[in-house]
PDB file of N, CA and C in Angstrom:
ATOM      1  N   UNK A   1     -69.067 -21.623 -39.629  1.00  0.00           N
ATOM      2  CA  UNK A   1     -68.208 -22.341 -38.710  1.00  0.00           C
ATOM      3  C   UNK A   1     -69.032 -22.854 -37.533  1.00  0.00           C
ATOM      4  N   UNK A   2     -68.603 -23.984 -37.045  1.00  0.00           N
ATOM      5  CA  UNK A   2     -69.232 -24.577 -35.860  1.00  0.00           C
ATOM      6  C   UNK A   2     -68.124 -24.789 -34.820  1.00  0.00           C
ATOM      7  N   UNK A   3     -68.021 -23.871 -33.872  1.00  0.00           N
ATOM      8  CA  UNK A   3     -66.885 -23.891 -32.945  1.00  0.00           C
ATOM      9  C   UNK A   3     -66.810 -25.126 -32.053  1.00  0.00           C
ATOM     10  N   UNK A   4     -67.944 -25.700 -31.666  1.00  0.00           N
ATOM     11  CA  UNK A   4     -67.896 -26.861 -30.782  1.00  0.00           C
ATOM     12  C   UNK A   4     -67.289 -28.073 -31.500  1.00  0.00           C
ATOM     13  N   UNK A   5     -67.727 -28.328 -32.722  1.00  0.00           N
ATOM     14  CA  UNK A   5     -67.167 -29.446 -33.489  1.00  0.00           C
ATOM     15  C   UNK A   5     -65.681 -29.236 -33.759  1.00  0.00           C
ATOM     16  N   UNK A   6     -65.331 -28.014 -34.103  1.00  0.00           N
ATOM     17  CA  UNK A   6     -63.924 -27.709 -34.376  1.00  0.00           C
ATOM     18  C   UNK A   6     -63.075 -27.857 -33.111  1.00  0.00           C
ATOM     19  N   UNK A   7     -63.608 -27.436 -31.978  1.00  0.00           N
ATOM     20  CA  UNK A   7     -62.867 -27.561 -30.718  1.00  0.00           C
ATOM     21  C   UNK A   7     -62.653 -29.023 -30.343  1.00  0.00           C
ATOM     22  N   UNK A   8     -63.672 -29.855 -30.546  1.00  0.00           N
ATOM     23  CA  UNK A   8     -63.536 -31.290 -30.260  1.00  0.00           C
ATOM     24  C   UNK A   8     -62.451 -31.894 -31.148  1.00  0.00           C
ATOM     25  N   UNK A   9     -62.479 -31.550 -32.426  1.00  0.00           N
ATOM     26  CA  UNK A   9     -61.493 -32.097 -33.361  1.00  0.00           C
ATOM     27  C   UNK A   9     -60.077 -31.651 -33.001  1.00  0.00           C
ATOM     28  N   UNK A  10     -59.925 -30.379 -32.682  1.00  0.00           N
ATOM     29  CA  UNK A  10     -58.591 -29.881 -32.321  1.00  0.00           C
ATOM     30  C   UNK A  10     -58.102 -30.486 -31.013  1.00  0.00           C
ATOM     31  N   UNK A  11     -59.006 -30.694 -30.076  1.00  0.00           N
ATOM     32  CA  UNK A  11     -58.632 -31.328 -28.806  1.00  0.00           C
ATOM     33  C   UNK A  11     -58.167 -32.769 -29.033  1.00  0.00           C
ATOM     34  N   UNK A  12     -58.878 -33.503 -29.882  1.00  0.00           N
ATOM     35  CA  UNK A  12     -58.462 -34.872 -30.210  1.00  0.00           C
ATOM     36  C   UNK A  12     -57.107 -34.859 -30.904  1.00  0.00           C
ATOM     37  N   UNK A  13     -56.939 -33.941 -31.849  1.00  0.00           N
ATOM     38  CA  UNK A  13     -55.687 -33.854 -32.598  1.00  0.00           C
ATOM     39  C   UNK A  13     -54.510 -33.535 -31.671  1.00  0.00           C
ATOM     40  N   UNK A  14     -54.680 -32.554 -30.814  1.00  0.00           N
ATOM     41  CA  UNK A  14     -53.597 -32.180 -29.901  1.00  0.00           C
ATOM     42  C   UNK A  14     -53.353 -33.252 -28.843  1.00  0.00           C
ATOM     43  N   UNK A  15     -54.434 -33.828 -28.309  1.00  0.00           N
ATOM     44  CA  UNK A  15     -54.284 -34.882 -27.306  1.00  0.00           C
ATOM     45  C   UNK A  15     -53.573 -36.106 -27.852  1.00  0.00           C
ATOM     46  N   UNK A  16     -53.915 -36.504 -29.086  1.00  0.00           N
ATOM     47  CA  UNK A  16     -53.248 -37.648 -29.703  1.00  0.00           C
ATOM     48  C   UNK A  16     -51.802 -37.366 -30.049  1.00  0.00           C
ATOM     49  N   UNK A  17     -51.485 -36.099 -30.334  1.00  0.00           N
ATOM     50  CA  UNK A  17     -50.099 -35.732 -30.645  1.00  0.00           C
ATOM     51  C   UNK A  17     -49.244 -35.681 -29.385  1.00  0.00           C
ATOM     52  N   UNK A  18     -49.815 -35.164 -28.310  1.00  0.00           N
ATOM     53  CA  UNK A  18     -49.064 -35.033 -27.058  1.00  0.00           C
ATOM     54  C   UNK A  18     -48.948 -36.373 -26.341  1.00  0.00           C
ATOM     55  N   UNK A  19     -50.027 -37.151 -26.360  1.00  0.00           N
ATOM     56  CA  UNK A  19     -50.044 -38.419 -25.641  1.00  0.00           C
ATOM     57  C   UNK A  19     -50.549 -39.536 -26.563  1.00  0.00           C
ATOM     58  N   UNK A  20     -49.696 -40.027 -27.464  1.00  0.00           N
ATOM     59  CA  UNK A  20     -50.131 -41.059 -28.416  1.00  0.00           C
ATOM     60  C   UNK A  20     -50.444 -42.409 -27.768  1.00  0.00           C
ATOM     61  N   UNK A  21     -50.031 -42.600 -26.525  1.00  0.00           N
ATOM     62  CA  UNK A  21     -50.320 -43.863 -25.853  1.00  0.00           C
ATOM     63  C   UNK A  21     -51.800 -44.012 -25.508  1.00  0.00           C
ATOM     64  N   UNK A  22     -52.587 -42.947 -25.716  1.00  0.00           N
ATOM     65  CA  UNK A  22     -54.018 -43.062 -25.451  1.00  0.00           C
ATOM     66  C   UNK A  22     -54.695 -43.999 -26.447  1.00  0.00           C
ATOM     67  N   UNK A  23     -54.023 -44.304 -27.553  1.00  0.00           N
ATOM     68  CA  UNK A  23     -54.582 -45.201 -28.559  1.00  0.00           C
ATOM     69  C   UNK A  23     -54.213 -46.661 -28.320  1.00  0.00           C
ATOM     70  N   UNK A  24     -53.537 -46.942 -27.215  1.00  0.00           N
ATOM     71  CA  UNK A  24     -53.157 -48.312 -26.919  1.00  0.00           C
ATOM     72  C   UNK A  24     -54.156 -48.948 -25.965  1.00  0.00           C
ATOM     73  N   UNK A  25     -54.202 -50.259 -26.014  1.00  0.00           N
ATOM     74  CA  UNK A  25     -55.095 -51.008 -25.140  1.00  0.00           C
ATOM     75  C   UNK A  25     -54.381 -51.435 -23.878  1.00  0.00           C
ATOM     76  N   UNK A  26     -54.910 -52.460 -23.241  1.00  0.00           N
ATOM     77  CA  UNK A  26     -54.372 -52.932 -21.968  1.00  0.00           C
ATOM     78  C   UNK A  26     -52.977 -53.511 -22.090  1.00  0.00           C
ATOM     79  N   UNK A  27     -52.709 -54.245 -23.153  1.00  0.00           N
ATOM     80  CA  UNK A  27     -51.407 -54.884 -23.297  1.00  0.00           C
ATOM     81  C   UNK A  27     -50.354 -54.011 -23.946  1.00  0.00           C
ATOM     82  N   UNK A  28     -50.657 -52.743 -24.177  1.00  0.00           N
ATOM     83  CA  UNK A  28     -49.701 -51.852 -24.823  1.00  0.00           C
ATOM     84  C   UNK A  28     -49.777 -51.898 -26.337  1.00  0.00           C
ATOM     85  N   UNK A  29     -50.705 -52.668 -26.875  1.00  0.00           N
ATOM     86  CA  UNK A  29     -50.874 -52.743 -28.327  1.00  0.00           C
ATOM     87  C   UNK A  29     -51.938 -51.748 -28.764  1.00  0.00           C
ATOM     88  N   UNK A  30     -51.882 -51.389 -30.030  1.00  0.00           N
ATOM     89  CA  UNK A  30     -52.835 -50.419 -30.560  1.00  0.00           C
ATOM     90  C   UNK A  30     -54.250 -50.998 -30.527  1.00  0.00           C
ATOM     91  N   UNK A  31     -55.193 -50.211 -30.023  1.00  0.00           N
ATOM     92  CA  UNK A  31     -56.598 -50.579 -30.018  1.00  0.00           C
ATOM     93  C   UNK A  31     -57.227 -49.973 -31.277  1.00  0.00           C
ATOM     94  N   UNK A  32     -57.311 -50.771 -32.337  1.00  0.00           N
ATOM     95  CA  UNK A  32     -57.725 -50.256 -33.637  1.00  0.00           C
ATOM     96  C   UNK A  32     -59.177 -49.786 -33.654  1.00  0.00           C
ATOM     97  N   UNK A  33     -60.050 -50.448 -32.922  1.00  0.00           N
ATOM     98  CA  UNK A  33     -61.441 -50.020 -32.866  1.00  0.00           C
ATOM     99  C   UNK A  33     -61.579 -48.646 -32.232  1.00  0.00           C
ATOM    100  N   UNK A  34     -60.911 -48.459 -31.107  1.00  0.00           N
ATOM    101  CA  UNK A  34     -60.941 -47.177 -30.414  1.00  0.00           C
ATOM    102  C   UNK A  34     -60.323 -46.079 -31.267  1.00  0.00           C
ATOM    103  N   UNK A  35     -59.163 -46.387 -31.858  1.00  0.00           N
ATOM    104  CA  UNK A  35     -58.476 -45.396 -32.689  1.00  0.00           C
ATOM    105  C   UNK A  35     -59.326 -45.005 -33.892  1.00  0.00           C
ATOM    106  N   UNK A  36     -59.980 -45.966 -34.519  1.00  0.00           N
ATOM    107  CA  UNK A  36     -60.836 -45.660 -35.668  1.00  0.00           C
ATOM    108  C   UNK A  36     -61.999 -44.763 -35.271  1.00  0.00           C
ATOM    109  N   UNK A  37     -62.623 -45.048 -34.141  1.00  0.00           N
ATOM    110  CA  UNK A  37     -63.732 -44.215 -33.678  1.00  0.00           C
ATOM    111  C   UNK A  37     -63.263 -42.800 -33.352  1.00  0.00           C
ATOM    112  N   UNK A  38     -62.112 -42.674 -32.711  1.00  0.00           N
ATOM    113  CA  UNK A  38     -61.582 -41.355 -32.368  1.00  0.00           C
ATOM    114  C   UNK A  38     -61.201 -40.582 -33.627  1.00  0.00           C
ATOM    115  N   UNK A  39     -60.582 -41.255 -34.596  1.00  0.00           N
ATOM    116  CA  UNK A  39     -60.199 -40.573 -35.828  1.00  0.00           C
ATOM    117  C   UNK A  39     -61.424 -40.185 -36.658  1.00  0.00           C
ATOM    118  N   UNK A  40     -62.487 -40.988 -36.597  1.00  0.00           N
ATOM    119  CA  UNK A  40     -63.728 -40.614 -37.267  1.00  0.00           C
ATOM    120  C   UNK A  40     -64.310 -39.361 -36.608  1.00  0.00           C
ATOM    121  N   UNK A  41     -64.296 -39.322 -35.288  1.00  0.00           N
ATOM    122  CA  UNK A  41     -64.791 -38.141 -34.576  1.00  0.00           C
ATOM    123  C   UNK A  41     -63.960 -36.912 -34.926  1.00  0.00           C
ATOM    124  N   UNK A  42     -62.651 -37.088 -35.006  1.00  0.00           N
ATOM    125  CA  UNK A  42     -61.781 -35.963 -35.343  1.00  0.00           C
ATOM    126  C   UNK A  42     -62.051 -35.484 -36.769  1.00  0.00           C
ATOM    127  N   UNK A  43     -62.180 -36.406 -37.700  1.00  0.00           N
ATOM    128  CA  UNK A  43     -62.443 -36.028 -39.090  1.00  0.00           C
ATOM    129  C   UNK A  43     -63.791 -35.339 -39.232  1.00  0.00           C
ATOM    130  N   UNK A  44     -64.810 -35.909 -38.610  1.00  0.00           N
ATOM    131  CA  UNK A  44     -66.137 -35.302 -38.674  1.00  0.00           C
ATOM    132  C   UNK A  44     -66.134 -33.925 -38.025  1.00  0.00           C
ATOM    133  N   UNK A  45     -65.416 -33.787 -36.929  1.00  0.00           N
ATOM    134  CA  UNK A  45     -65.339 -32.496 -36.255  1.00  0.00           C
ATOM    135  C   UNK A  45     -64.641 -31.438 -37.086  1.00  0.00           C
ATOM    136  N   UNK A  46     -63.580 -31.826 -37.776  1.00  0.00           N
ATOM    137  CA  UNK A  46     -62.866 -30.871 -38.620  1.00  0.00           C
ATOM    138  C   UNK A  46     -63.712 -30.452 -39.820  1.00  0.00           C
ATOM    139  N   UNK A  47     -64.300 -31.430 -40.499  1.00  0.00           N
ATOM    140  CA  UNK A  47     -65.107 -31.122 -41.688  1.00  0.00           C
ATOM    141  C   UNK A  47     -66.316 -30.276 -41.296  1.00  0.00           C
ATOM    142  N   UNK A  48     -67.013 -30.692 -40.253  1.00  0.00           N
ATOM    143  CA  UNK A  48     -68.197 -29.959 -39.806  1.00  0.00           C
ATOM    144  C   UNK A  48     -67.807 -28.628 -39.172  1.00  0.00           C
ATOM    145  N   UNK A  49     -66.704 -28.607 -38.476  1.00  0.00           N
ATOM    146  CA  UNK A  49     -66.291 -27.402 -37.754  1.00  0.00           C
ATOM    147  C   UNK A  49     -65.914 -26.240 -38.647  1.00  0.00           C
ATOM    148  N   UNK A  50     -65.343 -26.517 -39.807  1.00  0.00           N
ATOM    149  CA  UNK A  50     -64.982 -25.426 -40.720  1.00  0.00           C
ATOM    150  C   UNK A  50     -66.159 -25.014 -41.591  1.00  0.00           C
ATOM    151  N   UNK A  51     -67.286 -25.741 -41.487  1.00  0.00           N
ATOM    152  CA  UNK A  51     -68.492 -25.365 -42.204  1.00  0.00           C
ATOM    153  C   UNK A  51     -68.658 -25.992 -43.572  1.00  0.00           C
ATOM    154  N   UNK A  52     -67.847 -26.987 -43.906  1.00  0.00           N
ATOM    155  CA  UNK A  52     -67.962 -27.639 -45.207  1.00  0.00           C
ATOM    156  C   UNK A  52     -69.144 -28.602 -45.200  1.00  0.00           C
ATOM    157  N   UNK A  53     -69.953 -28.574 -46.252  1.00  0.00           N
ATOM    158  CA  UNK A  53     -71.092 -29.493 -46.383  1.00  0.00           C
ATOM    159  C   UNK A  53     -70.911 -30.293 -47.666  1.00  0.00           C
ATOM    160  N   UNK A  54     -70.580 -31.586 -47.562  1.00  0.00           N
ATOM    161  CA  UNK A  54     -70.455 -32.413 -48.764  1.00  0.00           C
ATOM    162  C   UNK A  54     -71.780 -32.514 -49.510  1.00  0.00           C
ATOM    163  N   UNK A  55     -71.706 -32.717 -50.825  1.00  0.00           N
ATOM    164  CA  UNK A  55     -72.924 -32.816 -51.631  1.00  0.00           C
ATOM    165  C   UNK A  55     -73.612 -34.152 -51.474  1.00  0.00           C
ATOM    166  N   UNK A  56     -72.847 -35.236 -51.412  1.00  0.00           N
ATOM    167  CA  UNK A  56     -73.428 -36.567 -51.297  1.00  0.00           C
ATOM    168  C   UNK A  56     -73.978 -36.763 -49.883  1.00  0.00           C
ATOM    169  N   UNK A  57     -75.192 -37.266 -49.800  1.00  0.00           N
ATOM    170  CA  UNK A  57     -75.875 -37.400 -48.505  1.00  0.00           C
ATOM    171  C   UNK A  57     -75.101 -38.306 -47.550  1.00  0.00           C
ATOM    172  N   UNK A  58     -74.521 -39.387 -48.055  1.00  0.00           N
ATOM    173  CA  UNK A  58     -73.749 -40.292 -47.195  1.00  0.00           C
ATOM    174  C   UNK A  58     -72.575 -39.568 -46.552  1.00  0.00           C
ATOM    175  N   UNK A  59     -71.816 -38.808 -47.330  1.00  0.00           N
ATOM    176  CA  UNK A  59     -70.667 -38.081 -46.783  1.00  0.00           C
ATOM    177  C   UNK A  59     -71.133 -36.983 -45.840  1.00  0.00           C
ATOM    178  N   UNK A  60     -72.269 -36.367 -46.181  1.00  0.00           N
ATOM    179  CA  UNK A  60     -72.804 -35.321 -45.308  1.00  0.00           C
ATOM    180  C   UNK A  60     -73.131 -35.884 -43.936  1.00  0.00           C
ATOM    181  N   UNK A  61     -73.688 -37.110 -43.894  1.00  0.00           N
ATOM    182  CA  UNK A  61     -73.998 -37.714 -42.600  1.00  0.00           C
ATOM    183  C   UNK A  61     -72.730 -38.160 -41.878  1.00  0.00           C
ATOM    184  N   UNK A  62     -71.785 -38.765 -42.612  1.00  0.00           N
ATOM    185  CA  UNK A  62     -70.564 -39.276 -41.972  1.00  0.00           C
ATOM    186  C   UNK A  62     -69.690 -38.170 -41.380  1.00  0.00           C
ATOM    187  N   UNK A  63     -69.841 -36.955 -41.899  1.00  0.00           N
ATOM    188  CA  UNK A  63     -69.028 -35.842 -41.401  1.00  0.00           C
ATOM    189  C   UNK A  63     -69.882 -34.760 -40.741  1.00  0.00           C
ATOM    190  N   UNK A  64     -71.003 -35.139 -40.155  1.00  0.00           N
ATOM    191  CA  UNK A  64     -71.881 -34.185 -39.478  1.00  0.00           C
ATOM    192  C   UNK A  64     -71.500 -34.069 -38.001  1.00  0.00           C
ATOM    193  N   UNK A  65     -72.119 -33.126 -37.351  1.00  0.00           N
ATOM    194  CA  UNK A  65     -71.911 -32.977 -35.914  1.00  0.00           C
ATOM    195  C   UNK A  65     -72.447 -34.167 -35.139  1.00  0.00           C
ATOM    196  N   UNK A  66     -73.572 -34.723 -35.608  1.00  0.00           N
ATOM    197  CA  UNK A  66     -74.137 -35.914 -34.955  1.00  0.00           C
ATOM    198  C   UNK A  66     -73.224 -37.112 -35.126  1.00  0.00           C
ATOM    199  N   UNK A  67     -72.555 -37.212 -36.271  1.00  0.00           N
ATOM    200  CA  UNK A  67     -71.609 -38.310 -36.484  1.00  0.00           C
ATOM    201  C   UNK A  67     -70.409 -38.162 -35.556  1.00  0.00           C
ATOM    202  N   UNK A  68     -69.989 -36.927 -35.331  1.00  0.00           N
ATOM    203  CA  UNK A  68     -68.885 -36.671 -34.402  1.00  0.00           C
ATOM    204  C   UNK A  68     -69.265 -37.134 -32.994  1.00  0.00           C
ATOM    205  N   UNK A  69     -70.467 -36.788 -32.572  1.00  0.00           N
ATOM    206  CA  UNK A  69     -70.944 -37.223 -31.258  1.00  0.00           C
ATOM    207  C   UNK A  69     -71.082 -38.735 -31.189  1.00  0.00           C
ATOM    208  N   UNK A  70     -71.625 -39.338 -32.237  1.00  0.00           N
ATOM    209  CA  UNK A  70     -71.767 -40.799 -32.282  1.00  0.00           C
ATOM    210  C   UNK A  70     -70.417 -41.488 -32.182  1.00  0.00           C
ATOM    211  N   UNK A  71     -69.429 -40.970 -32.919  1.00  0.00           N
ATOM    212  CA  UNK A  71     -68.093 -41.564 -32.886  1.00  0.00           C
ATOM    213  C   UNK A  71     -67.452 -41.403 -31.512  1.00  0.00           C
ATOM    214  N   UNK A  72     -67.668 -40.270 -30.865  1.00  0.00           N
ATOM    215  CA  UNK A  72     -67.133 -40.084 -29.509  1.00  0.00           C
ATOM    216  C   UNK A  72     -67.768 -41.039 -28.515  1.00  0.00           C
ATOM    217  N   UNK A  73     -69.081 -41.226 -28.632  1.00  0.00           N
ATOM    218  CA  UNK A  73     -69.757 -42.168 -27.743  1.00  0.00           C
ATOM    219  C   UNK A  73     -69.308 -43.595 -28.007  1.00  0.00           C
ATOM    220  N   UNK A  74     -69.100 -43.937 -29.270  1.00  0.00           N
ATOM    221  CA  UNK A  74     -68.587 -45.266 -29.626  1.00  0.00           C
ATOM    222  C   UNK A  74     -67.186 -45.463 -29.052  1.00  0.00           C
ATOM    223  N   UNK A  75     -66.347 -44.451 -29.161  1.00  0.00           N
ATOM    224  CA  UNK A  75     -64.979 -44.541 -28.615  1.00  0.00           C
ATOM    225  C   UNK A  75     -65.016 -44.718 -27.096  1.00  0.00           C
ATOM    226  N   UNK A  76     -65.883 -43.965 -26.437  1.00  0.00           N
ATOM    227  CA  UNK A  76     -66.000 -44.098 -24.979  1.00  0.00           C
ATOM    228  C   UNK A  76     -66.487 -45.494 -24.604  1.00  0.00           C
ATOM    229  N   UNK A  77     -67.455 -45.996 -25.346  1.00  0.00           N
ATOM    230  CA  UNK A  77     -67.961 -47.351 -25.064  1.00  0.00           C
ATOM    231  C   UNK A  77     -66.876 -48.396 -25.296  1.00  0.00           C
ATOM    232  N   UNK A  78     -66.102 -48.254 -26.369  1.00  0.00           N
ATOM    233  CA  UNK A  78     -65.025 -49.214 -26.645  1.00  0.00           C
ATOM    234  C   UNK A  78     -63.924 -49.145 -25.589  1.00  0.00           C
ATOM    235  N   UNK A  79     -63.664 -47.963 -25.075  1.00  0.00           N
ATOM    236  CA  UNK A  79     -62.605 -47.801 -24.075  1.00  0.00           C
ATOM    237  C   UNK A  79     -63.006 -48.386 -22.728  1.00  0.00           C
ATOM    238  N   UNK A  80     -64.251 -48.168 -22.305  1.00  0.00           N
ATOM    239  CA  UNK A  80     -64.637 -48.554 -20.964  1.00  0.00           C
ATOM    240  C   UNK A  80     -65.548 -49.761 -20.889  1.00  0.00           C
ATOM    241  N   UNK A  81     -65.812 -50.401 -22.003  1.00  0.00           N
ATOM    242  CA  UNK A  81     -66.675 -51.593 -21.974  1.00  0.00           C
ATOM    243  C   UNK A  81     -65.847 -52.858 -21.827  1.00  0.00           C
TER     244      UNK A  81
END
């Protein structure tokens, strides 16, 4: 288990459930780029956090801890850029 990745994923999951308006942009419409980056971070955090390692190298990278961090940084850049 990797508690930091799992905690990030659970925080995203709970935050999005409690406050779904965080996925909207300036005009009140869904910001699909931001939402995709956040959901990628959540998925990578859950997969990596429970300790699962996919066999295929591509999936292993897409669901790694570094991918979770990359997706979070991408989401932050999309939100504030």
